Structures are given as C-alpha cells and as structure tokens.
C-alpha cells in the first residue's frame, strides 16, 4: 500500500477566514483508511482511472445494474484536500475562534 503524506498540509491560501473564526483540522467521518485487500485509486481523469495505490476510502454510490453504496479508494493526491494523520482521514473546517 502507498505511503500517506507525512505532514499536515497547509489550508488553501485562497480561503477567506472571517474575523472571529479559524480553520481547524478534524477527522472526516465520511472517510476511512484503506482496509483489507489492496485497492487502486478510483479517481477518473479523462475517463481513465488513476490506478495508484489507495490509502483511504470514501463511501459513494456505485452505479450499474443495481445502484448501491460502496467504498471507493483514493491515493493521497486525489483525496479532495484530505490527508491521513494519526490513523485518521482529516480535513479543514471553519470554527469559531474562542481563543480570544
């Protein structure tokens, strides 16, 4: 399985953080670490799958003869701004700044 990024990425520089708020890194409950059998990244680029080793999975709907929920794997580059830290998939959220 591929290595997850070691360091927490900085939030996107173009995000506007209103006065009285701050960005906080929190676990994203909709994601989980890749488990079980090795998976490949599900990200489609020009109708071609990325194919790199997946480090995390997102519950999405799988379409076909029967639409059903399924876990889709993603590599570190295609985790939609998320990252792995301390065994959890993390992301940035906006919270009130109670630190004064």
C-alpha atoms as a PDB file:
ATOM      1  CA  UNK A   1       0.000   0.000   0.000  1.00  0.00           C
ATOM      2  CA  UNK A   2       1.238   3.530  -0.737  1.00  0.00           C
ATOM      3  CA  UNK A   3       2.626   5.788   1.956  1.00  0.00           C
ATOM      4  CA  UNK A   4       0.333   8.547   3.191  1.00  0.00           C
ATOM      5  CA  UNK A   5       1.666  12.105   3.334  1.00  0.00           C
ATOM      6  CA  UNK A   6       3.726  12.594   6.499  1.00  0.00           C
ATOM      7  CA  UNK A   7       2.946  16.238   7.238  1.00  0.00           C
ATOM      8  CA  UNK A   8      -0.303  18.123   7.607  1.00  0.00           C
ATOM      9  CA  UNK A   9      -0.808  20.299   4.523  1.00  0.00           C
ATOM     10  CA  UNK A  10      -1.428  23.993   4.897  1.00  0.00           C
ATOM     11  CA  UNK A  11      -5.001  25.109   4.192  1.00  0.00           C
ATOM     12  CA  UNK A  12      -5.513  26.566   0.715  1.00  0.00           C
ATOM     13  CA  UNK A  13      -4.144  30.111   0.604  1.00  0.00           C
ATOM     14  CA  UNK A  14      -7.229  31.444  -1.205  1.00  0.00           C
ATOM     15  CA  UNK A  15      -9.650  30.501   1.603  1.00  0.00           C
ATOM     16  CA  UNK A  16     -11.085  33.575   3.307  1.00  0.00           C
ATOM     17  CA  UNK A  17     -11.321  33.120   7.064  1.00  0.00           C
ATOM     18  CA  UNK A  18     -13.731  35.672   8.578  1.00  0.00           C
ATOM     19  CA  UNK A  19     -12.728  37.571  11.703  1.00  0.00           C
ATOM     20  CA  UNK A  20     -13.576  35.559  14.815  1.00  0.00           C
ATOM     21  CA  UNK A  21     -13.100  32.237  13.051  1.00  0.00           C
ATOM     22  CA  UNK A  22     -10.186  29.901  12.366  1.00  0.00           C
ATOM     23  CA  UNK A  23      -9.508  26.730  10.415  1.00  0.00           C
ATOM     24  CA  UNK A  24      -9.261  23.506  12.407  1.00  0.00           C
ATOM     25  CA  UNK A  25      -8.097  20.081  11.275  1.00  0.00           C
ATOM     26  CA  UNK A  26     -10.649  17.411  12.225  1.00  0.00           C
ATOM     27  CA  UNK A  27     -11.352  13.783  11.241  1.00  0.00           C
ATOM     28  CA  UNK A  28     -13.692  13.378   8.271  1.00  0.00           C
ATOM     29  CA  UNK A  29     -16.228  10.750   9.342  1.00  0.00           C
ATOM     30  CA  UNK A  30     -17.249  10.018   5.741  1.00  0.00           C
ATOM     31  CA  UNK A  31     -13.811   8.563   5.002  1.00  0.00           C
ATOM     32  CA  UNK A  32     -11.806   5.630   6.371  1.00  0.00           C
ATOM     33  CA  UNK A  33      -8.304   4.272   5.886  1.00  0.00           C
ATOM     34  CA  UNK A  34      -7.984   1.737   3.090  1.00  0.00           C
ATOM     35  CA  UNK A  35      -8.578  -1.682   4.571  1.00  0.00           C
ATOM     36  CA  UNK A  36      -8.346  -5.296   3.571  1.00  0.00           C
ATOM     37  CA  UNK A  37      -7.217  -6.094   0.052  1.00  0.00           C
ATOM     38  CA  UNK A  38      -5.009  -3.586  -1.786  1.00  0.00           C
ATOM     39  CA  UNK A  39      -7.096  -1.094  -3.771  1.00  0.00           C
ATOM     40  CA  UNK A  40      -6.328   1.271  -6.599  1.00  0.00           C
ATOM     41  CA  UNK A  41      -7.311   4.943  -6.773  1.00  0.00           C
ATOM     42  CA  UNK A  42     -10.790   5.414  -8.254  1.00  0.00           C
ATOM     43  CA  UNK A  43     -10.235   8.989  -9.497  1.00  0.00           C
ATOM     44  CA  UNK A  44     -11.156   9.354 -13.152  1.00  0.00           C
ATOM     45  CA  UNK A  45      -9.096  11.725 -15.279  1.00  0.00           C
ATOM     46  CA  UNK A  46     -10.324  11.903 -18.892  1.00  0.00           C
ATOM     47  CA  UNK A  47     -12.221   8.626 -18.340  1.00  0.00           C
ATOM     48  CA  UNK A  48      -9.051   6.832 -17.193  1.00  0.00           C
ATOM     49  CA  UNK A  49      -8.634   5.652 -13.603  1.00  0.00           C
ATOM     50  CA  UNK A  50      -5.617   6.987 -11.721  1.00  0.00           C
ATOM     51  CA  UNK A  51      -4.646   3.448 -10.667  1.00  0.00           C
ATOM     52  CA  UNK A  52      -2.146   4.332  -7.912  1.00  0.00           C
ATOM     53  CA  UNK A  53      -2.353   2.549  -4.557  1.00  0.00           C
ATOM     54  CA  UNK A  54      -5.244   3.821  -2.429  1.00  0.00           C
ATOM     55  CA  UNK A  55      -4.598   4.971   1.147  1.00  0.00           C
ATOM     56  CA  UNK A  56      -8.183   5.974   2.041  1.00  0.00           C
ATOM     57  CA  UNK A  57     -11.745   5.166   1.025  1.00  0.00           C
ATOM     58  CA  UNK A  58     -14.934   7.211   0.614  1.00  0.00           C
ATOM     59  CA  UNK A  59     -18.475   5.780   0.701  1.00  0.00           C
ATOM     60  CA  UNK A  60     -20.101   6.616  -2.640  1.00  0.00           C
ATOM     61  CA  UNK A  61     -22.858   5.199  -4.796  1.00  0.00           C
ATOM     62  CA  UNK A  62     -21.764   2.573  -7.289  1.00  0.00           C
ATOM     63  CA  UNK A  63     -23.888   2.570 -10.406  1.00  0.00           C
ATOM     64  CA  UNK A  64     -24.654  -0.382 -12.597  1.00  0.00           C
ATOM     65  CA  UNK A  65     -27.462  -2.867 -12.820  1.00  0.00           C
ATOM     66  CA  UNK A  66     -28.122  -2.099  -9.165  1.00  0.00           C
ATOM     67  CA  UNK A  67     -27.216   1.268  -7.610  1.00  0.00           C
ATOM     68  CA  UNK A  68     -25.746   0.670  -4.166  1.00  0.00           C
ATOM     69  CA  UNK A  69     -23.313   2.254  -1.715  1.00  0.00           C
ATOM     70  CA  UNK A  70     -19.702   1.084  -1.943  1.00  0.00           C
ATOM     71  CA  UNK A  71     -16.275   2.149  -0.666  1.00  0.00           C
ATOM     72  CA  UNK A  72     -14.122   3.829  -3.344  1.00  0.00           C
ATOM     73  CA  UNK A  73     -10.344   4.001  -2.858  1.00  0.00           C
ATOM     74  CA  UNK A  74      -8.212   7.131  -3.356  1.00  0.00           C
ATOM     75  CA  UNK A  75      -4.456   7.835  -3.448  1.00  0.00           C
ATOM     76  CA  UNK A  76      -3.007  10.776  -1.433  1.00  0.00           C
ATOM     77  CA  UNK A  77      -3.088  13.077  -4.479  1.00  0.00           C
ATOM     78  CA  UNK A  78      -6.806  12.532  -5.157  1.00  0.00           C
ATOM     79  CA  UNK A  79      -8.330  12.738  -1.657  1.00  0.00           C
ATOM     80  CA  UNK A  80     -10.108  16.055  -2.370  1.00  0.00           C
ATOM     81  CA  UNK A  81      -7.955  18.086   0.048  1.00  0.00           C
ATOM     82  CA  UNK A  82      -7.920  15.459   2.786  1.00  0.00           C
ATOM     83  CA  UNK A  83      -4.890  13.753   4.313  1.00  0.00           C
ATOM     84  CA  UNK A  84      -4.046  10.906   6.680  1.00  0.00           C
ATOM     85  CA  UNK A  85      -2.830  11.846  10.159  1.00  0.00           C
ATOM     86  CA  UNK A  86      -2.585   9.625  13.270  1.00  0.00           C
ATOM     87  CA  UNK A  87      -4.550   6.851  11.555  1.00  0.00           C
ATOM     88  CA  UNK A  88      -7.467   9.096  10.557  1.00  0.00           C
ATOM     89  CA  UNK A  89      -8.540  10.854   7.379  1.00  0.00           C
ATOM     90  CA  UNK A  90      -8.503  14.581   8.185  1.00  0.00           C
ATOM     91  CA  UNK A  91      -9.802  17.789   6.588  1.00  0.00           C
ATOM     92  CA  UNK A  92     -10.048  21.517   7.352  1.00  0.00           C
ATOM     93  CA  UNK A  93     -13.246  23.077   8.723  1.00  0.00           C
ATOM     94  CA  UNK A  94     -14.151  26.616   9.785  1.00  0.00           C
ATOM     95  CA  UNK A  95     -14.816  27.031  13.542  1.00  0.00           C
ATOM     96  CA  UNK A  96     -15.454  29.948  15.878  1.00  0.00           C
ATOM     97  CA  UNK A  97     -12.237  31.141  17.465  1.00  0.00           C
ATOM     98  CA  UNK A  98     -12.823  31.040  21.213  1.00  0.00           C
ATOM     99  CA  UNK A  99      -9.155  31.679  21.993  1.00  0.00           C
ATOM    100  CA  UNK A 100      -9.818  35.385  22.436  1.00  0.00           C
END
